[in-house]
Every structure is written in C-alpha cells, then in structure tokens.
All heavy atoms as atom14 arrays in JSON, in Angstrom:
{
  "sequence": "REPFIQNGTVDMVIATYTINDTRKQIVDFAGPYFIAHQDIMVKASDNS",
  "atom14_mask": [
    [1, 1, 1, 1, 1, 1, 1, 1, 1, 1, 1, 0, 0, 0],
    [1, 1, 1, 1, 1, 1, 1, 1, 1, 0, 0, 0, 0, 0],
    [1, 1, 1, 1, 1, 1, 1, 0, 0, 0, 0, 0, 0, 0],
    [1, 1, 1, 1, 1, 1, 1, 1, 1, 1, 1, 0, 0, 0],
    [1, 1, 1, 1, 1, 1, 1, 1, 0, 0, 0, 0, 0, 0],
    [1, 1, 1, 1, 1, 1, 1, 1, 1, 0, 0, 0, 0, 0],
    [1, 1, 1, 1, 1, 1, 1, 1, 0, 0, 0, 0, 0, 0],
    [1, 1, 1, 1, 0, 0, 0, 0, 0, 0, 0, 0, 0, 0],
    [1, 1, 1, 1, 1, 1, 1, 0, 0, 0, 0, 0, 0, 0],
    [1, 1, 1, 1, 1, 1, 1, 0, 0, 0, 0, 0, 0, 0],
    [1, 1, 1, 1, 1, 1, 1, 1, 0, 0, 0, 0, 0, 0],
    [1, 1, 1, 1, 1, 1, 1, 1, 0, 0, 0, 0, 0, 0],
    [1, 1, 1, 1, 1, 1, 1, 0, 0, 0, 0, 0, 0, 0],
    [1, 1, 1, 1, 1, 1, 1, 1, 0, 0, 0, 0, 0, 0],
    [1, 1, 1, 1, 1, 0, 0, 0, 0, 0, 0, 0, 0, 0],
    [1, 1, 1, 1, 1, 1, 1, 0, 0, 0, 0, 0, 0, 0],
    [1, 1, 1, 1, 1, 1, 1, 1, 1, 1, 1, 1, 0, 0],
    [1, 1, 1, 1, 1, 1, 1, 0, 0, 0, 0, 0, 0, 0],
    [1, 1, 1, 1, 1, 1, 1, 1, 0, 0, 0, 0, 0, 0],
    [1, 1, 1, 1, 1, 1, 1, 1, 0, 0, 0, 0, 0, 0],
    [1, 1, 1, 1, 1, 1, 1, 1, 0, 0, 0, 0, 0, 0],
    [1, 1, 1, 1, 1, 1, 1, 0, 0, 0, 0, 0, 0, 0],
    [1, 1, 1, 1, 1, 1, 1, 1, 1, 1, 1, 0, 0, 0],
    [1, 1, 1, 1, 1, 1, 1, 1, 1, 0, 0, 0, 0, 0],
    [1, 1, 1, 1, 1, 1, 1, 1, 1, 0, 0, 0, 0, 0],
    [1, 1, 1, 1, 1, 1, 1, 1, 0, 0, 0, 0, 0, 0],
    [1, 1, 1, 1, 1, 1, 1, 0, 0, 0, 0, 0, 0, 0],
    [1, 1, 1, 1, 1, 1, 1, 1, 0, 0, 0, 0, 0, 0],
    [1, 1, 1, 1, 1, 1, 1, 1, 1, 1, 1, 0, 0, 0],
    [1, 1, 1, 1, 1, 0, 0, 0, 0, 0, 0, 0, 0, 0],
    [1, 1, 1, 1, 0, 0, 0, 0, 0, 0, 0, 0, 0, 0],
    [1, 1, 1, 1, 1, 1, 1, 0, 0, 0, 0, 0, 0, 0],
    [1, 1, 1, 1, 1, 1, 1, 1, 1, 1, 1, 1, 0, 0],
    [1, 1, 1, 1, 1, 1, 1, 1, 1, 1, 1, 0, 0, 0],
    [1, 1, 1, 1, 1, 1, 1, 1, 0, 0, 0, 0, 0, 0],
    [1, 1, 1, 1, 1, 0, 0, 0, 0, 0, 0, 0, 0, 0],
    [1, 1, 1, 1, 1, 1, 1, 1, 1, 1, 0, 0, 0, 0],
    [1, 1, 1, 1, 1, 1, 1, 1, 1, 0, 0, 0, 0, 0],
    [1, 1, 1, 1, 1, 1, 1, 1, 0, 0, 0, 0, 0, 0],
    [1, 1, 1, 1, 1, 1, 1, 1, 0, 0, 0, 0, 0, 0],
    [1, 1, 1, 1, 1, 1, 1, 1, 0, 0, 0, 0, 0, 0],
    [1, 1, 1, 1, 1, 1, 1, 0, 0, 0, 0, 0, 0, 0],
    [1, 1, 1, 1, 1, 1, 1, 1, 1, 0, 0, 0, 0, 0],
    [1, 1, 1, 1, 1, 0, 0, 0, 0, 0, 0, 0, 0, 0],
    [1, 1, 1, 1, 1, 1, 0, 0, 0, 0, 0, 0, 0, 0],
    [1, 1, 1, 1, 1, 1, 1, 1, 0, 0, 0, 0, 0, 0],
    [1, 1, 1, 1, 1, 1, 1, 1, 0, 0, 0, 0, 0, 0],
    [1, 1, 1, 1, 1, 1, 0, 0, 0, 0, 0, 0, 0, 0]
  ],
  "atom14_positions": [
    [[-7.4, -2.37, -4.73], [-7.29, -3.05, -3.45], [-8.54, -2.85, -2.58], [-9.07, -3.83, -2.03], [-6.02, -2.58, -2.71], [-4.74, -3.09, -3.35], [-3.49, -2.56, -2.71], [-3.33, -1.11, -2.84], [-2.17, -0.47, -2.68], [-1.08, -1.16, -2.39], [-2.1, 0.82, -2.82], [0.0, 0.0, 0.0], [0.0, 0.0, 0.0], [0.0, 0.0, 0.0]],
    [[-9.0, -1.61, -2.44], [-10.19, -1.36, -1.62], [-11.43, -2.06, -2.19], [-12.15, -2.74, -1.45], [-10.44, 0.13, -1.44], [-9.49, 0.82, -0.49], [-8.26, 1.36, -1.18], [-8.25, 1.38, -2.43], [-7.31, 1.75, -0.5], [0.0, 0.0, 0.0], [0.0, 0.0, 0.0], [0.0, 0.0, 0.0], [0.0, 0.0, 0.0], [0.0, 0.0, 0.0]],
    [[-11.71, -1.92, -3.5], [-12.88, -2.64, -4.04], [-12.82, -4.15, -3.84], [-13.83, -4.79, -3.55], [-12.86, -2.27, -5.53], [-12.15, -0.97, -5.58], [-11.11, -1.03, -4.51], [0.0, 0.0, 0.0], [0.0, 0.0, 0.0], [0.0, 0.0, 0.0], [0.0, 0.0, 0.0], [0.0, 0.0, 0.0], [0.0, 0.0, 0.0], [0.0, 0.0, 0.0]],
    [[-11.64, -4.74, -3.99], [-11.5, -6.19, -3.81], [-11.87, -6.61, -2.38], [-12.48, -7.65, -2.17], [-10.07, -6.62, -4.12], [-9.82, -6.89, -5.59], [-10.71, -6.49, -6.56], [-8.65, -7.54, -5.98], [-10.47, -6.73, -7.9], [-8.4, -7.8, -7.32], [-9.31, -7.39, -8.28], [0.0, 0.0, 0.0], [0.0, 0.0, 0.0], [0.0, 0.0, 0.0]],
    [[-11.47, -5.79, -1.41], [-11.8, -6.09, -0.01], [-13.29, -5.9, 0.22], [-13.96, -6.75, 0.83], [-10.99, -5.21, 0.95], [-9.49, -5.54, 0.84], [-11.47, -5.39, 2.39], [-8.59, -4.55, 1.55], [0.0, 0.0, 0.0], [0.0, 0.0, 0.0], [0.0, 0.0, 0.0], [0.0, 0.0, 0.0], [0.0, 0.0, 0.0], [0.0, 0.0, 0.0]],
    [[-13.83, -4.8, -0.26], [-15.23, -4.46, -0.01], [-16.2, -5.46, -0.63], [-17.22, -5.81, -0.03], [-15.53, -3.05, -0.54], [-14.89, -1.94, 0.27], [-15.19, -0.58, -0.34], [-14.87, -0.31, -1.51], [-15.81, 0.29, 0.44], [0.0, 0.0, 0.0], [0.0, 0.0, 0.0], [0.0, 0.0, 0.0], [0.0, 0.0, 0.0], [0.0, 0.0, 0.0]],
    [[-15.9, -5.91, -1.86], [-16.86, -6.78, -2.54], [-16.58, -8.27, -2.34], [-17.27, -9.13, -2.91], [-16.93, -6.45, -4.04], [-15.61, -6.71, -4.78], [-14.8, -7.54, -4.38], [-15.41, -5.99, -5.88], [0.0, 0.0, 0.0], [0.0, 0.0, 0.0], [0.0, 0.0, 0.0], [0.0, 0.0, 0.0], [0.0, 0.0, 0.0], [0.0, 0.0, 0.0]],
    [[-15.57, -8.59, -1.52], [-15.32, -9.99, -1.19], [-14.53, -10.76, -2.22], [-14.45, -11.99, -2.13], [0.0, 0.0, 0.0], [0.0, 0.0, 0.0], [0.0, 0.0, 0.0], [0.0, 0.0, 0.0], [0.0, 0.0, 0.0], [0.0, 0.0, 0.0], [0.0, 0.0, 0.0], [0.0, 0.0, 0.0], [0.0, 0.0, 0.0], [0.0, 0.0, 0.0]],
    [[-13.95, -10.06, -3.19], [-13.08, -10.75, -4.16], [-11.93, -11.44, -3.44], [-11.48, -12.53, -3.82], [-12.52, -9.75, -5.19], [-13.62, -9.17, -5.91], [-11.59, -10.44, -6.19], [0.0, 0.0, 0.0], [0.0, 0.0, 0.0], [0.0, 0.0, 0.0], [0.0, 0.0, 0.0], [0.0, 0.0, 0.0], [0.0, 0.0, 0.0], [0.0, 0.0, 0.0]],
    [[-11.42, -10.8, -2.38], [-10.35, -11.36, -1.56], [-10.76, -11.31, -0.1], [-11.63, -10.53, 0.3], [-9.02, -10.61, -1.77], [-8.56, -10.67, -3.21], [-9.13, -9.15, -1.31], [0.0, 0.0, 0.0], [0.0, 0.0, 0.0], [0.0, 0.0, 0.0], [0.0, 0.0, 0.0], [0.0, 0.0, 0.0], [0.0, 0.0, 0.0], [0.0, 0.0, 0.0]],
    [[-10.11, -12.14, 0.71], [-10.33, -12.11, 2.15], [-9.41, -11.11, 2.84], [-9.73, -10.61, 3.92], [-10.11, -13.51, 2.74], [-11.07, -14.53, 2.15], [-12.29, -14.31, 2.27], [-10.6, -15.52, 1.54], [0.0, 0.0, 0.0], [0.0, 0.0, 0.0], [0.0, 0.0, 0.0], [0.0, 0.0, 0.0], [0.0, 0.0, 0.0], [0.0, 0.0, 0.0]],
    [[-8.28, -10.84, 2.22], [-7.35, -9.85, 2.73], [-6.43, -9.4, 1.6], [-6.3, -10.08, 0.58], [-6.52, -10.37, 3.91], [-5.62, -11.54, 3.57], [-4.51, -12.01, 4.93], [-5.67, -12.49, 6.19], [0.0, 0.0, 0.0], [0.0, 0.0, 0.0], [0.0, 0.0, 0.0], [0.0, 0.0, 0.0], [0.0, 0.0, 0.0], [0.0, 0.0, 0.0]],
    [[-5.81, -8.24, 1.77], [-4.84, -7.74, 0.82], [-3.51, -7.53, 1.53], [-3.45, -6.86, 2.56], [-5.3, -6.4, 0.19], [-4.15, -5.73, -0.57], [-6.47, -6.62, -0.76], [0.0, 0.0, 0.0], [0.0, 0.0, 0.0], [0.0, 0.0, 0.0], [0.0, 0.0, 0.0], [0.0, 0.0, 0.0], [0.0, 0.0, 0.0], [0.0, 0.0, 0.0]],
    [[-2.46, -8.15, 0.98], [-1.09, -7.95, 1.47], [-0.27, -7.57, 0.25], [0.28, -8.42, -0.45], [-0.53, -9.22, 2.15], [-1.54, -9.79, 3.15], [0.79, -8.91, 2.84], [-1.09, -11.07, 3.83], [0.0, 0.0, 0.0], [0.0, 0.0, 0.0], [0.0, 0.0, 0.0], [0.0, 0.0, 0.0], [0.0, 0.0, 0.0], [0.0, 0.0, 0.0]],
    [[-0.23, -6.27, -0.03], [0.3, -5.83, -1.33], [0.95, -4.46, -1.22], [0.47, -3.49, -1.79], [-0.83, -5.81, -2.36], [0.0, 0.0, 0.0], [0.0, 0.0, 0.0], [0.0, 0.0, 0.0], [0.0, 0.0, 0.0], [0.0, 0.0, 0.0], [0.0, 0.0, 0.0], [0.0, 0.0, 0.0], [0.0, 0.0, 0.0], [0.0, 0.0, 0.0]],
    [[2.05, -4.39, -0.43], [2.74, -3.11, -0.2], [1.71, -2.01, 0.01], [1.76, -0.97, -0.63], [3.69, -2.76, -1.35], [2.98, -2.63, -2.6], [4.77, -3.83, -1.52], [0.0, 0.0, 0.0], [0.0, 0.0, 0.0], [0.0, 0.0, 0.0], [0.0, 0.0, 0.0], [0.0, 0.0, 0.0], [0.0, 0.0, 0.0], [0.0, 0.0, 0.0]],
    [[0.8, -2.24, 0.95], [-0.42, -1.46, 1.14], [-0.22, -0.49, 2.32], [-0.33, -0.88, 3.48], [-1.55, -2.43, 1.42], [-2.96, -1.95, 1.23], [-3.26, -0.69, 0.72], [-4.03, -2.8, 1.54], [-4.56, -0.28, 0.54], [-5.34, -2.41, 1.36], [-5.6, -1.14, 0.86], [-6.91, -0.76, 0.69], [0.0, 0.0, 0.0], [0.0, 0.0, 0.0]],
    [[0.07, 0.76, 2.01], [0.35, 1.75, 3.05], [-0.91, 2.08, 3.86], [-1.96, 2.4, 3.3], [0.92, 3.04, 2.44], [2.16, 2.74, 1.8], [1.16, 4.1, 3.51], [0.0, 0.0, 0.0], [0.0, 0.0, 0.0], [0.0, 0.0, 0.0], [0.0, 0.0, 0.0], [0.0, 0.0, 0.0], [0.0, 0.0, 0.0], [0.0, 0.0, 0.0]],
    [[-0.79, 2.03, 5.16], [-1.88, 2.43, 6.06], [-1.96, 3.95, 6.1], [-0.97, 4.62, 6.39], [-1.63, 1.89, 7.49], [-1.49, 0.37, 7.5], [-2.74, 2.35, 8.43], [-0.99, -0.2, 8.82], [0.0, 0.0, 0.0], [0.0, 0.0, 0.0], [0.0, 0.0, 0.0], [0.0, 0.0, 0.0], [0.0, 0.0, 0.0], [0.0, 0.0, 0.0]],
    [[-3.12, 4.49, 5.81], [-3.32, 5.93, 6.01], [-4.76, 6.2, 6.4], [-5.64, 5.34, 6.3], [-2.88, 6.74, 4.78], [-3.7, 6.45, 3.54], [-4.89, 6.18, 3.6], [-3.05, 6.5, 2.38], [0.0, 0.0, 0.0], [0.0, 0.0, 0.0], [0.0, 0.0, 0.0], [0.0, 0.0, 0.0], [0.0, 0.0, 0.0], [0.0, 0.0, 0.0]],
    [[-5.02, 7.44, 6.85], [-6.34, 7.78, 7.4], [-7.44, 7.68, 6.34], [-8.56, 7.27, 6.64], [-6.31, 9.17, 8.0], [-5.48, 9.23, 9.26], [-5.15, 8.16, 9.8], [-5.16, 10.34, 9.72], [0.0, 0.0, 0.0], [0.0, 0.0, 0.0], [0.0, 0.0, 0.0], [0.0, 0.0, 0.0], [0.0, 0.0, 0.0], [0.0, 0.0, 0.0]],
    [[-7.13, 8.09, 5.1], [-8.14, 8.04, 4.04], [-8.59, 6.6, 3.78], [-9.8, 6.32, 3.69], [-7.59, 8.67, 2.75], [-7.24, 10.02, 3.01], [-8.62, 8.61, 1.64], [0.0, 0.0, 0.0], [0.0, 0.0, 0.0], [0.0, 0.0, 0.0], [0.0, 0.0, 0.0], [0.0, 0.0, 0.0], [0.0, 0.0, 0.0], [0.0, 0.0, 0.0]],
    [[-7.65, 5.7, 3.65], [-7.99, 4.3, 3.39], [-8.72, 3.68, 4.58], [-9.56, 2.79, 4.41], [-6.72, 3.52, 3.06], [-6.15, 3.85, 1.69], [-4.79, 3.25, 1.47], [-4.34, 3.5, 0.11], [-3.08, 3.32, -0.3], [-2.16, 2.91, 0.55], [-2.75, 3.58, -1.55], [0.0, 0.0, 0.0], [0.0, 0.0, 0.0], [0.0, 0.0, 0.0]],
    [[-8.4, 4.13, 5.79], [-9.04, 3.55, 6.98], [-10.5, 3.96, 7.12], [-11.2, 3.41, 7.97], [-8.26, 3.95, 8.22], [-6.95, 3.18, 8.35], [-6.12, 3.67, 9.52], [-6.76, 3.32, 10.82], [-5.91, 3.72, 11.97], [0.0, 0.0, 0.0], [0.0, 0.0, 0.0], [0.0, 0.0, 0.0], [0.0, 0.0, 0.0], [0.0, 0.0, 0.0]],
    [[-10.96, 4.86, 6.29], [-12.39, 5.15, 6.25], [-13.14, 4.09, 5.46], [-14.38, 3.97, 5.54], [-12.64, 6.53, 5.61], [-11.96, 7.69, 6.32], [-12.32, 7.77, 7.79], [-13.5, 7.75, 8.15], [-11.3, 7.83, 8.64], [0.0, 0.0, 0.0], [0.0, 0.0, 0.0], [0.0, 0.0, 0.0], [0.0, 0.0, 0.0], [0.0, 0.0, 0.0]],
    [[-12.4, 3.29, 4.67], [-13.01, 2.33, 3.74], [-12.75, 0.89, 4.17], [-13.63, 0.03, 4.07], [-12.47, 2.56, 2.31], [-12.7, 4.01, 1.88], [-13.12, 1.61, 1.31], [-11.98, 4.37, 0.59], [0.0, 0.0, 0.0], [0.0, 0.0, 0.0], [0.0, 0.0, 0.0], [0.0, 0.0, 0.0], [0.0, 0.0, 0.0], [0.0, 0.0, 0.0]],
    [[-11.52, 0.62, 4.62], [-11.13, -0.73, 5.02], [-10.43, -0.65, 6.37], [-10.05, 0.44, 6.83], [-10.2, -1.39, 3.98], [-10.89, -1.51, 2.63], [-8.88, -0.64, 3.86], [0.0, 0.0, 0.0], [0.0, 0.0, 0.0], [0.0, 0.0, 0.0], [0.0, 0.0, 0.0], [0.0, 0.0, 0.0], [0.0, 0.0, 0.0], [0.0, 0.0, 0.0]],
    [[-10.24, -1.8, 7.0], [-9.44, -1.89, 8.22], [-8.07, -2.46, 7.89], [-7.89, -3.12, 6.86], [-10.14, -2.76, 9.26], [-11.18, -2.02, 10.06], [-11.11, -0.77, 10.1], [-12.08, -2.66, 10.65], [0.0, 0.0, 0.0], [0.0, 0.0, 0.0], [0.0, 0.0, 0.0], [0.0, 0.0, 0.0], [0.0, 0.0, 0.0], [0.0, 0.0, 0.0]],
    [[-7.12, -2.22, 8.78], [-5.76, -2.72, 8.6], [-5.28, -3.43, 9.86], [-5.52, -2.97, 10.98], [-4.78, -1.57, 8.32], [-4.89, -0.97, 6.96], [-5.62, 0.19, 6.77], [-4.26, -1.55, 5.87], [-5.72, 0.77, 5.51], [-4.36, -0.98, 4.61], [-5.1, 0.18, 4.44], [0.0, 0.0, 0.0], [0.0, 0.0, 0.0], [0.0, 0.0, 0.0]],
    [[-4.58, -4.55, 9.65], [-3.77, -5.16, 10.69], [-2.32, -4.77, 10.4], [-1.95, -4.52, 9.26], [-3.92, -6.67, 10.67], [0.0, 0.0, 0.0], [0.0, 0.0, 0.0], [0.0, 0.0, 0.0], [0.0, 0.0, 0.0], [0.0, 0.0, 0.0], [0.0, 0.0, 0.0], [0.0, 0.0, 0.0], [0.0, 0.0, 0.0], [0.0, 0.0, 0.0]],
    [[-1.52, -4.73, 11.44], [-0.12, -4.35, 11.25], [0.18, -3.01, 11.87], [-0.48, -2.59, 12.81], [0.0, 0.0, 0.0], [0.0, 0.0, 0.0], [0.0, 0.0, 0.0], [0.0, 0.0, 0.0], [0.0, 0.0, 0.0], [0.0, 0.0, 0.0], [0.0, 0.0, 0.0], [0.0, 0.0, 0.0], [0.0, 0.0, 0.0], [0.0, 0.0, 0.0]],
    [[1.22, -2.32, 11.33], [1.98, -2.63, 10.13], [2.93, -3.81, 10.34], [3.3, -4.12, 11.46], [2.78, -1.34, 9.89], [2.94, -0.76, 11.25], [1.69, -1.08, 11.99], [0.0, 0.0, 0.0], [0.0, 0.0, 0.0], [0.0, 0.0, 0.0], [0.0, 0.0, 0.0], [0.0, 0.0, 0.0], [0.0, 0.0, 0.0], [0.0, 0.0, 0.0]],
    [[3.31, -4.43, 9.22], [4.27, -5.52, 9.26], [5.61, -5.12, 8.63], [6.56, -5.91, 8.64], [3.7, -6.77, 8.56], [3.45, -6.59, 7.08], [4.41, -6.97, 6.14], [2.25, -6.06, 6.61], [4.17, -6.8, 4.78], [2.01, -5.9, 5.28], [2.98, -6.27, 4.36], [2.75, -6.09, 3.0], [0.0, 0.0, 0.0], [0.0, 0.0, 0.0]],
    [[5.69, -3.87, 8.11], [6.93, -3.37, 7.52], [6.81, -1.86, 7.36], [5.71, -1.36, 7.1], [7.18, -4.02, 6.15], [8.47, -3.58, 5.48], [9.69, -4.01, 5.97], [8.45, -2.73, 4.39], [10.87, -3.59, 5.37], [9.62, -2.32, 3.78], [10.83, -2.75, 4.27], [0.0, 0.0, 0.0], [0.0, 0.0, 0.0], [0.0, 0.0, 0.0]],
    [[7.91, -1.14, 7.54], [7.95, 0.3, 7.3], [8.88, 0.57, 6.12], [10.06, 0.23, 6.17], [8.46, 1.09, 8.52], [7.64, 0.75, 9.78], [8.41, 2.59, 8.24], [6.22, 1.2, 9.76], [0.0, 0.0, 0.0], [0.0, 0.0, 0.0], [0.0, 0.0, 0.0], [0.0, 0.0, 0.0], [0.0, 0.0, 0.0], [0.0, 0.0, 0.0]],
    [[8.33, 1.15, 5.06], [9.13, 1.53, 3.9], [9.27, 3.04, 3.83], [8.64, 3.77, 4.6], [8.46, 1.0, 2.62], [0.0, 0.0, 0.0], [0.0, 0.0, 0.0], [0.0, 0.0, 0.0], [0.0, 0.0, 0.0], [0.0, 0.0, 0.0], [0.0, 0.0, 0.0], [0.0, 0.0, 0.0], [0.0, 0.0, 0.0], [0.0, 0.0, 0.0]],
    [[10.1, 3.51, 2.91], [10.31, 4.95, 2.71], [10.33, 5.23, 1.21], [11.01, 4.54, 0.45], [11.63, 5.39, 3.34], [11.76, 4.97, 4.77], [11.13, 5.62, 5.79], [12.42, 3.92, 5.33], [11.41, 5.01, 6.93], [12.17, 3.97, 6.68], [0.0, 0.0, 0.0], [0.0, 0.0, 0.0], [0.0, 0.0, 0.0], [0.0, 0.0, 0.0]],
    [[9.57, 6.21, 0.77], [9.5, 6.53, -0.66], [10.82, 7.1, -1.16], [11.45, 7.92, -0.49], [8.36, 7.51, -0.94], [8.1, 7.72, -2.44], [6.79, 8.43, -2.7], [5.91, 8.44, -1.85], [6.65, 9.0, -3.88], [0.0, 0.0, 0.0], [0.0, 0.0, 0.0], [0.0, 0.0, 0.0], [0.0, 0.0, 0.0], [0.0, 0.0, 0.0]],
    [[11.21, 6.69, -2.35], [12.47, 7.13, -2.96], [12.27, 7.3, -4.46], [11.12, 7.31, -4.94], [13.59, 6.12, -2.65], [14.96, 6.75, -2.53], [15.28, 7.63, -3.35], [15.72, 6.36, -1.63], [0.0, 0.0, 0.0], [0.0, 0.0, 0.0], [0.0, 0.0, 0.0], [0.0, 0.0, 0.0], [0.0, 0.0, 0.0], [0.0, 0.0, 0.0]],
    [[13.36, 7.42, -5.19], [13.32, 7.74, -6.62], [14.26, 6.78, -7.35], [15.37, 6.51, -6.89], [13.77, 9.19, -6.88], [12.89, 10.16, -6.06], [13.72, 9.54, -8.35], [13.53, 11.52, -5.87], [0.0, 0.0, 0.0], [0.0, 0.0, 0.0], [0.0, 0.0, 0.0], [0.0, 0.0, 0.0], [0.0, 0.0, 0.0], [0.0, 0.0, 0.0]],
    [[13.83, 6.29, -8.52], [14.67, 5.47, -9.39], [14.9, 6.21, -10.7], [13.96, 6.76, -11.28], [13.99, 4.12, -9.65], [14.78, 3.18, -10.55], [13.99, 1.54, -10.71], [12.62, 1.92, -11.79], [0.0, 0.0, 0.0], [0.0, 0.0, 0.0], [0.0, 0.0, 0.0], [0.0, 0.0, 0.0], [0.0, 0.0, 0.0], [0.0, 0.0, 0.0]],
    [[16.15, 6.24, -11.15], [16.52, 6.9, -12.4], [17.42, 5.96, -13.2], [17.85, 4.91, -12.72], [17.25, 8.23, -12.14], [16.33, 9.22, -11.41], [18.53, 7.99, -11.32], [0.0, 0.0, 0.0], [0.0, 0.0, 0.0], [0.0, 0.0, 0.0], [0.0, 0.0, 0.0], [0.0, 0.0, 0.0], [0.0, 0.0, 0.0], [0.0, 0.0, 0.0]],
    [[17.76, 6.37, -14.41], [18.74, 5.62, -15.18], [20.1, 5.7, -14.5], [20.43, 6.7, -13.87], [18.82, 6.15, -16.61], [17.63, 5.75, -17.47], [17.82, 6.13, -18.92], [16.67, 5.62, -19.79], [16.83, 5.98, -21.21], [0.0, 0.0, 0.0], [0.0, 0.0, 0.0], [0.0, 0.0, 0.0], [0.0, 0.0, 0.0], [0.0, 0.0, 0.0]],
    [[20.89, 4.66, -14.64], [22.18, 4.59, -13.95], [23.11, 5.74, -14.33], [23.96, 6.14, -13.52], [22.85, 3.25, -14.25], [0.0, 0.0, 0.0], [0.0, 0.0, 0.0], [0.0, 0.0, 0.0], [0.0, 0.0, 0.0], [0.0, 0.0, 0.0], [0.0, 0.0, 0.0], [0.0, 0.0, 0.0], [0.0, 0.0, 0.0], [0.0, 0.0, 0.0]],
    [[22.94, 6.3, -15.51], [23.82, 7.38, -15.98], [23.35, 8.77, -15.57], [24.04, 9.76, -15.81], [23.93, 7.33, -17.51], [22.64, 7.46, -18.1], [0.0, 0.0, 0.0], [0.0, 0.0, 0.0], [0.0, 0.0, 0.0], [0.0, 0.0, 0.0], [0.0, 0.0, 0.0], [0.0, 0.0, 0.0], [0.0, 0.0, 0.0], [0.0, 0.0, 0.0]],
    [[22.19, 8.86, -14.95], [21.59, 10.15, -14.62], [22.03, 10.61, -13.22], [21.66, 9.99, -12.22], [20.06, 10.04, -14.68], [19.36, 11.38, -14.5], [20.03, 12.37, -14.15], [18.13, 11.43, -14.71], [0.0, 0.0, 0.0], [0.0, 0.0, 0.0], [0.0, 0.0, 0.0], [0.0, 0.0, 0.0], [0.0, 0.0, 0.0], [0.0, 0.0, 0.0]],
    [[22.77, 11.71, -13.18], [23.21, 12.28, -11.9], [22.54, 13.62, -11.6], [22.95, 14.33, -10.68], [24.73, 12.44, -11.88], [25.45, 11.1, -11.99], [25.1, 10.15, -11.31], [26.45, 11.03, -12.87], [0.0, 0.0, 0.0], [0.0, 0.0, 0.0], [0.0, 0.0, 0.0], [0.0, 0.0, 0.0], [0.0, 0.0, 0.0], [0.0, 0.0, 0.0]],
    [[21.52, 13.96, -12.39], [20.9, 15.27, -12.24], [19.85, 15.32, -11.13], [19.48, 16.4, -10.66], [20.24, 15.69, -13.57], [19.14, 14.83, -13.87], [0.0, 0.0, 0.0], [0.0, 0.0, 0.0], [0.0, 0.0, 0.0], [0.0, 0.0, 0.0], [0.0, 0.0, 0.0], [0.0, 0.0, 0.0], [0.0, 0.0, 0.0], [0.0, 0.0, 0.0]]
  ]
}
C-alpha cells in the first residue's frame, strides 16, 4: 500500500488501511471512515 502511494501506482488507497503513527511518517491519511476491532477466527468446532 505505501509503495503504491509513493510511486504513483494509485492516487489513493482505500483498503482496510489502519491509520497509525508509523505509516503517517510515509503517507498521509484522510478519515477515518470506519473503526474496526481486531479479533480471532477459528474452526467452528474449536472452543479452546
């Protein structure tokens, strides 16, 4: 995502792209337009 923005492959990236301080040293962000929360996916039979 960052290289695509920097080298002009794209004009913008809208790709579940979390805003954080490290990335903001490389690219700029508009938004946020959504707040997500990290979670875990397992097999349906797994209760461990």
